[in-house]
Amino acid sequence: MKTNVFITTNFSNEAKKLLKKYKSLKSELEILELQLKDNPTLGSSIGNNSFKIRLAVKSKGQGKRGGVRIITHLVVIFVKHEKINELYLLSIYDKSQTETISKKDILNIIKQIDE
């Protein structure tokens, strides 16, 4: 089964700010992308085929608990009897700055994917 990882505009905008702040984040996101290709349901399910991943940031020095959160959304499609996973990176935020992201915000980002 093949998994394609897509970055939404929202994720890209949020990540730019964090990448400037935390130098190790780029390599940690690259490792995460490889992990997601093997296991697209990585993280805790938050409903609607969406998942919350806790990611430690070495340059932040606080482990997973105080690291960043990444929200993903999985879409499964079938092409010529082959199952293909399309995984969208919806949002990334610093846990110390943002406690959580609302379901309404997540659903709005998912709607933008369909447009």
Foldseek 3Di string as FASTA:
>chain_A
DFEDEAEAPQAVVQVVVVCVVAVQVVVQVVVVVVVCRVPVAPADDPDQQKHKHQGAGVSVPDGSVQAKIWIKHWDWDADPNDIYIYIYTQHMDGCVVDVDDDPVSVVVSVVVVVD
